[in-house]
Amino acid sequence: MGGYSGRAGRGLIIVGAFAALLGLLLVGHRAVPGSPGSLLESALPWLAAPALLLLAVAVVTRRVVVIVVALVPAAIWTVMFAPTLTDHSRSGSHDLRVASLNLGKSTPGEALPPLLAEHPDIVVLEEVTQANRSTVTKTLADAYPHHTETGTVAIFSRFRLSGTEPVDIHIGWTRAIATTVATGDGRIRVFAAHLASARADETADRDRTLQALAAATHADPSQRLILAGDLNTATTDRLFHEFAPLADSQKEAGSGFGFTWPSAFPVVRPDHILERGLTTRRSWVVEGPGSDHRAVLADFDTGGPTGANEAATDG
């Protein structure tokens, strides 16, 4: 009996230590400083894996106390993320569909057809380069007669564009743009951006570009605004709140985490479509063959009092 109790006691200590570590990482991630903290926050949803493994080990011991201890991090994770796993899409019609894709090293002939099959009204592209720019433009010209680009970022639209200007995100060259889209329900300001990359040991460049972009959207007086692109920032990242009050379309009307990178087995969502002044009906992801990113799409209802006021102003 004494030996058995000793083994059970050691099991409780080991499970308790791992449970405490996982629980602390989940609830105390903001206490981890700098780039490691940002990396941890990007990986927070994946702490479900060690939490479930720990619970499975506890169940094998068949000790109630051990199982209860192991349940703690699983319960914390459930409170934090279970609502994300449900379908938040909203019933009702939409009148604007927006898509964004980082082309990466793909050829437009590979990556664009699945995206265009979704019939977006506005297409935001990143990594438009000298090598693929001509093919991208030709591929989209018929369906999207209005387009603008700066650096490696481009916006293609079924609707007329005006008031286009580059956005300085403090990256040393232009990799963000803003334009006004004249939809059938009035004007909507659209920002497209590709922020600096975030690495496990270095997020300073990404942080600087994110804060500059967030400041630019906040300073824009447009009542209705969409921001789309590769923001190199997970929704769970500590700096993502800088975009508020812009709302995340995936959180508003998606199902699950909507991971987009890497395309073969996505584990994080650096690609986003954010909005203010609109109603998001649906958010989803499609593959862009050849790219290391998947495309993000969102349906919006642009109507309501704001839309009516904007349309009246367009007169």
Protein backbone atom coordinates (compact mmCIF):
# COMPACT_ATOMS: atom_id res chain seq x y z
CA MET A 1 0.00 0.00 0.00
CA GLY A 2 2.76 2.43 0.90
CA GLY A 3 4.46 1.92 -2.46
CA TYR A 4 1.21 2.43 -4.31
CA SER A 5 0.49 5.62 -2.36
CA GLY A 6 3.98 6.81 -3.16
CA ARG A 7 3.49 6.28 -6.89
CA ALA A 8 0.11 8.01 -6.71
CA GLY A 9 1.67 10.90 -4.82
CA ARG A 10 4.43 11.30 -7.37
CA GLY A 11 1.84 11.16 -10.17
CA LEU A 12 -0.17 13.89 -8.50
CA ILE A 13 2.93 16.06 -8.12
CA ILE A 14 3.95 15.61 -11.76
CA VAL A 15 0.45 16.18 -13.15
CA GLY A 16 -0.03 19.10 -10.79
CA ALA A 17 3.21 20.74 -11.93
CA PHE A 18 2.34 20.45 -15.61
CA ALA A 19 -1.25 21.58 -14.95
CA ALA A 20 0.03 24.62 -13.09
CA LEU A 21 2.45 25.46 -15.92
CA LEU A 22 -0.25 25.19 -18.60
CA GLY A 23 -2.71 27.14 -16.51
CA LEU A 24 -0.20 29.91 -15.91
CA LEU A 25 0.68 30.10 -19.62
CA LEU A 26 -3.01 30.39 -20.51
CA VAL A 27 -4.05 33.00 -17.96
CA GLY A 28 -0.71 34.75 -17.51
CA HIS A 29 0.59 34.97 -21.08
CA ARG A 30 0.65 38.77 -20.93
CA ALA A 31 3.34 38.51 -18.24
CA VAL A 32 5.78 36.94 -20.71
CA PRO A 33 7.70 39.92 -22.15
CA GLY A 34 8.69 40.87 -25.68
CA SER A 35 8.91 38.57 -28.65
CA PRO A 36 8.62 35.35 -26.61
CA GLY A 37 5.31 36.63 -25.25
CA SER A 38 4.06 37.41 -28.74
CA LEU A 39 5.08 33.95 -29.94
CA LEU A 40 3.33 32.33 -26.98
CA GLU A 41 0.15 34.27 -27.65
CA SER A 42 0.17 33.23 -31.29
CA ALA A 43 0.34 29.60 -30.14
CA LEU A 44 -2.22 29.86 -27.33
CA PRO A 45 -4.98 27.88 -29.14
CA TRP A 46 -2.54 24.99 -29.59
CA LEU A 47 -2.10 24.61 -25.82
CA ALA A 48 -5.21 22.46 -26.13
CA ALA A 49 -2.91 19.62 -27.28
CA PRO A 50 -0.75 19.37 -24.12
CA ALA A 51 -3.82 20.01 -21.96
CA LEU A 52 -5.62 17.04 -23.50
CA LEU A 53 -2.50 14.87 -23.31
CA LEU A 54 -2.13 15.71 -19.64
CA LEU A 55 -5.78 14.80 -19.05
CA ALA A 56 -5.31 11.47 -20.85
CA VAL A 57 -2.33 10.67 -18.64
CA ALA A 58 -4.35 11.56 -15.56
CA VAL A 59 -7.22 9.31 -16.62
CA VAL A 60 -4.80 6.39 -16.90
CA THR A 61 -3.90 6.81 -13.21
CA ARG A 62 -7.57 6.37 -12.30
CA ARG A 63 -7.08 8.72 -9.37
CA VAL A 64 -9.91 11.20 -9.00
CA VAL A 65 -7.71 13.91 -7.49
CA VAL A 66 -5.17 13.61 -10.30
CA ILE A 67 -7.91 13.80 -12.94
CA VAL A 68 -9.48 16.85 -11.30
CA VAL A 69 -6.10 18.63 -11.23
CA ALA A 70 -5.51 17.79 -14.90
CA LEU A 71 -8.94 19.17 -15.78
CA VAL A 72 -7.97 22.68 -14.67
CA PRO A 73 -5.95 23.78 -17.77
CA ALA A 74 -8.48 22.07 -20.05
CA ALA A 75 -11.26 24.02 -18.35
CA ILE A 76 -9.34 27.29 -18.67
CA TRP A 77 -8.73 26.64 -22.38
CA THR A 78 -12.42 25.83 -22.87
CA VAL A 79 -13.52 29.09 -21.27
CA MET A 80 -11.06 31.05 -23.41
CA PHE A 81 -11.56 29.41 -26.79
CA ALA A 82 -14.62 27.15 -26.97
CA PRO A 83 -16.83 30.05 -28.17
CA THR A 84 -14.47 30.49 -31.13
CA LEU A 85 -15.20 26.95 -32.31
CA THR A 86 -18.90 27.62 -32.84
CA ASP A 87 -20.35 28.99 -36.07
CA HIS A 88 -20.93 32.74 -35.75
CA SER A 89 -22.19 33.33 -39.29
CA ARG A 90 -25.29 35.49 -39.44
CA SER A 91 -28.41 35.01 -41.48
CA GLY A 92 -29.43 37.74 -43.88
CA SER A 93 -28.24 39.06 -47.19
CA HIS A 94 -24.88 40.58 -47.98
CA ASP A 95 -24.01 43.13 -50.65
CA LEU A 96 -20.21 43.19 -50.47
CA ARG A 97 -17.71 40.33 -50.52
CA VAL A 98 -14.04 41.02 -49.80
CA ALA A 99 -11.08 38.67 -50.27
CA SER A 100 -7.40 38.89 -49.37
CA LEU A 101 -4.50 36.64 -50.34
CA ASN A 102 -0.74 36.73 -49.98
CA LEU A 103 0.39 35.30 -53.30
CA GLY A 104 3.80 34.33 -52.00
CA LYS A 105 5.74 32.37 -54.60
CA SER A 106 2.63 31.05 -56.33
CA THR A 107 1.78 31.74 -59.94
CA PRO A 108 -1.43 33.72 -60.46
CA GLY A 109 -2.74 30.94 -62.68
CA GLU A 110 -2.58 28.56 -59.70
CA ALA A 111 -3.61 30.74 -56.79
CA LEU A 112 -6.28 33.05 -58.19
CA PRO A 113 -8.91 30.73 -59.79
CA PRO A 114 -10.16 29.23 -56.48
CA LEU A 115 -10.36 32.72 -55.05
CA LEU A 116 -12.21 34.13 -58.07
CA ALA A 117 -14.64 31.19 -57.95
CA GLU A 118 -15.95 32.78 -54.73
CA HIS A 119 -16.87 35.93 -56.75
CA PRO A 120 -15.52 38.60 -54.40
CA ASP A 121 -16.33 42.23 -55.16
CA ILE A 122 -12.99 43.47 -53.84
CA VAL A 123 -9.72 41.52 -54.01
CA VAL A 124 -6.73 42.56 -51.92
CA LEU A 125 -3.41 40.96 -52.87
CA GLU A 126 -0.01 40.96 -51.23
CA GLU A 127 3.31 39.98 -52.79
CA VAL A 128 2.44 41.43 -56.19
CA THR A 129 5.91 41.61 -57.73
CA GLN A 130 7.61 42.53 -60.96
CA ALA A 131 7.55 38.85 -61.88
CA ASN A 132 3.79 38.33 -61.50
CA ARG A 133 2.29 41.84 -61.77
CA SER A 134 1.45 41.67 -65.47
CA THR A 135 -0.21 38.24 -65.18
CA VAL A 136 -2.16 39.27 -62.08
CA THR A 137 -3.48 42.38 -63.81
CA LYS A 138 -4.47 40.49 -66.96
CA THR A 139 -6.15 37.72 -64.98
CA LEU A 140 -8.30 40.17 -63.02
CA ALA A 141 -8.86 42.92 -65.58
CA ASP A 142 -12.22 41.75 -66.98
CA ALA A 143 -13.97 41.11 -63.68
CA TYR A 144 -12.23 43.93 -61.80
CA PRO A 145 -11.86 46.96 -64.07
CA HIS A 146 -10.78 49.24 -61.22
CA HIS A 147 -7.51 48.66 -59.46
CA THR A 148 -4.71 50.42 -57.63
CA GLU A 149 -1.38 49.25 -56.28
CA THR A 150 1.67 50.40 -54.40
CA GLY A 151 4.81 48.43 -53.74
CA THR A 152 3.72 44.81 -53.49
CA VAL A 153 0.13 45.50 -52.37
CA ALA A 154 -2.82 45.84 -54.76
CA ILE A 155 -6.59 46.35 -54.59
CA PHE A 156 -8.85 45.13 -57.41
CA SER A 157 -12.50 46.17 -57.43
CA ARG A 158 -15.73 45.83 -59.36
CA PHE A 159 -16.52 49.36 -58.16
CA ARG A 160 -14.96 52.70 -58.95
CA LEU A 161 -12.04 53.81 -56.77
CA SER A 162 -11.09 57.32 -55.71
CA GLY A 163 -9.00 59.16 -53.16
CA THR A 164 -6.23 56.59 -53.35
CA GLU A 165 -3.13 57.27 -51.29
CA PRO A 166 -0.15 55.34 -49.90
CA VAL A 167 -0.08 54.69 -46.18
CA ASP A 168 3.21 55.11 -44.33
CA ILE A 169 3.63 52.15 -41.98
CA HIS A 170 7.24 52.98 -41.15
CA ILE A 171 8.73 50.05 -42.99
CA GLY A 172 11.09 52.07 -45.19
CA TRP A 173 9.10 51.57 -48.39
CA THR A 174 5.42 51.63 -49.28
CA ARG A 175 3.56 48.44 -48.42
CA ALA A 176 0.10 49.78 -47.54
CA ILE A 177 -2.54 51.70 -49.44
CA ALA A 178 -5.95 53.25 -48.83
CA THR A 179 -8.69 53.97 -51.34
CA THR A 180 -12.39 54.80 -51.37
CA VAL A 181 -14.70 52.27 -53.00
CA ALA A 182 -17.96 53.59 -54.46
CA THR A 183 -20.30 50.68 -53.76
CA GLY A 184 -23.98 50.71 -54.70
CA ASP A 185 -24.72 51.62 -51.10
CA GLY A 186 -22.25 54.47 -50.78
CA ARG A 187 -18.58 54.97 -50.09
CA ILE A 188 -16.39 52.62 -48.07
CA ARG A 189 -12.77 53.32 -47.24
CA VAL A 190 -10.57 50.27 -47.87
CA PHE A 191 -7.07 49.80 -46.49
CA ALA A 192 -4.76 47.07 -47.79
CA ALA A 193 -1.50 46.27 -46.04
CA HIS A 194 1.34 43.81 -45.65
CA LEU A 195 3.06 44.36 -42.33
CA ALA A 196 6.63 43.45 -41.47
CA SER A 197 7.28 39.82 -40.58
CA ALA A 198 7.27 38.60 -37.00
CA ARG A 199 9.91 36.09 -35.93
CA ALA A 200 10.26 34.06 -32.79
CA ASP A 201 13.11 36.23 -31.54
CA GLU A 202 12.19 39.56 -33.14
CA THR A 203 8.86 41.37 -33.45
CA ALA A 204 10.01 45.00 -33.20
CA ASP A 205 9.60 45.70 -36.93
CA ARG A 206 6.17 44.07 -37.00
CA ASP A 207 5.12 45.95 -33.87
CA ARG A 208 6.20 49.29 -35.34
CA THR A 209 4.36 48.74 -38.63
CA LEU A 210 1.25 47.48 -36.84
CA GLN A 211 1.05 50.52 -34.61
CA ALA A 212 1.54 52.85 -37.58
CA LEU A 213 -1.20 51.11 -39.57
CA ALA A 214 -3.59 51.10 -36.62
CA ALA A 215 -2.98 54.80 -36.11
CA ALA A 216 -3.70 55.50 -39.79
CA THR A 217 -7.05 53.67 -39.68
CA HIS A 218 -8.01 55.44 -36.45
CA ALA A 219 -7.18 58.82 -37.97
CA ASP A 220 -9.33 58.15 -41.04
CA PRO A 221 -12.72 59.85 -40.56
CA SER A 222 -14.68 57.41 -42.73
CA GLN A 223 -17.69 55.95 -40.97
CA ARG A 224 -17.31 52.68 -42.87
CA LEU A 225 -13.88 51.16 -43.25
CA ILE A 226 -12.35 47.80 -44.17
CA LEU A 227 -8.76 46.76 -43.49
CA ALA A 228 -7.52 43.64 -45.28
CA GLY A 229 -4.15 42.02 -45.77
CA ASP A 230 -1.31 40.04 -44.27
CA LEU A 231 -0.93 41.68 -40.88
CA ASN A 232 1.56 39.09 -39.58
CA THR A 233 -0.31 39.13 -36.28
CA ALA A 234 -2.50 36.46 -34.70
CA THR A 235 -5.83 37.45 -33.20
CA THR A 236 -4.51 36.30 -29.83
CA ASP A 237 -1.37 38.46 -30.10
CA ARG A 238 -1.13 41.17 -27.44
CA LEU A 239 -0.87 43.92 -30.05
CA PHE A 240 -3.96 42.91 -32.02
CA HIS A 241 -6.09 45.10 -29.74
CA GLU A 242 -4.35 48.14 -31.28
CA PHE A 243 -6.78 47.81 -34.21
CA ALA A 244 -9.85 48.22 -31.99
CA PRO A 245 -12.55 49.42 -32.51
CA LEU A 246 -12.11 47.70 -35.88
CA ALA A 247 -13.80 44.32 -35.56
CA ASP A 248 -12.33 41.01 -36.71
CA SER A 249 -14.58 39.44 -39.35
CA GLN A 250 -13.59 35.89 -38.35
CA LYS A 251 -14.51 36.50 -34.73
CA GLU A 252 -17.75 38.17 -35.75
CA ALA A 253 -19.01 35.69 -38.33
CA GLY A 254 -16.57 32.83 -38.77
CA SER A 255 -16.40 29.25 -37.57
CA GLY A 256 -13.24 28.14 -35.80
CA PHE A 257 -9.90 29.89 -35.77
CA GLY A 258 -9.65 30.36 -39.54
CA PHE A 259 -5.93 29.58 -39.63
CA THR A 260 -4.22 30.54 -42.90
CA TRP A 261 -0.48 29.83 -42.54
CA PRO A 262 1.30 27.70 -43.57
CA SER A 263 -1.17 26.67 -46.23
CA ALA A 264 -0.37 22.94 -46.12
CA PHE A 265 -1.19 22.71 -42.42
CA PRO A 266 -2.19 26.13 -41.09
CA VAL A 267 -1.48 26.76 -37.42
CA VAL A 268 -1.91 30.54 -37.17
CA ARG A 269 -3.94 33.33 -38.79
CA PRO A 270 -1.76 36.27 -39.88
CA ASP A 271 -4.25 37.24 -42.63
CA HIS A 272 -7.26 39.31 -41.64
CA ILE A 273 -10.24 41.33 -42.79
CA LEU A 274 -11.29 43.92 -40.21
CA GLU A 275 -14.16 46.39 -40.37
CA ARG A 276 -16.02 49.22 -38.74
CA GLY A 277 -19.49 50.54 -39.56
CA LEU A 278 -20.56 47.34 -41.36
CA THR A 279 -22.29 44.09 -40.45
CA THR A 280 -20.27 40.94 -41.09
CA ARG A 281 -22.46 38.07 -42.30
CA ARG A 282 -19.87 35.38 -42.92
CA SER A 283 -16.10 34.81 -42.80
CA TRP A 284 -14.19 31.85 -44.23
CA VAL A 285 -10.93 30.60 -45.75
CA VAL A 286 -10.07 29.05 -49.13
CA GLU A 287 -6.86 27.56 -50.46
CA GLY A 288 -4.66 29.51 -52.85
CA PRO A 289 -2.68 26.72 -54.54
CA GLY A 290 1.03 27.45 -54.71
CA SER A 291 0.94 30.10 -51.99
CA ASP A 292 2.09 29.43 -48.46
CA HIS A 293 -1.00 31.34 -47.27
CA ARG A 294 -4.67 30.58 -47.57
CA ALA A 295 -7.05 33.33 -48.64
CA VAL A 296 -9.49 34.99 -46.26
CA LEU A 297 -12.96 36.14 -47.33
CA ALA A 298 -15.81 37.99 -45.66
CA ASP A 299 -19.36 38.95 -46.59
CA PHE A 300 -20.69 42.31 -45.41
CA ASP A 301 -24.06 43.98 -45.22
CA THR A 302 -23.31 47.62 -45.97
CA GLY A 303 -26.89 48.81 -45.32
CA GLY A 304 -28.48 50.40 -42.30
CA PRO A 305 -28.40 54.02 -41.12
CA THR A 306 -24.68 54.45 -41.86
CA GLY A 307 -25.03 53.12 -45.37
CA ALA A 308 -28.09 55.24 -46.04
CA ASN A 309 -26.30 58.36 -44.88
CA GLU A 310 -23.25 57.61 -47.01
CA ALA A 311 -25.40 56.90 -50.06
CA ALA A 312 -27.29 60.14 -49.57
CA THR A 313 -24.00 62.00 -49.37
CA ASP A 314 -22.86 60.39 -52.61
CA GLY A 315 -26.07 61.75 -54.13
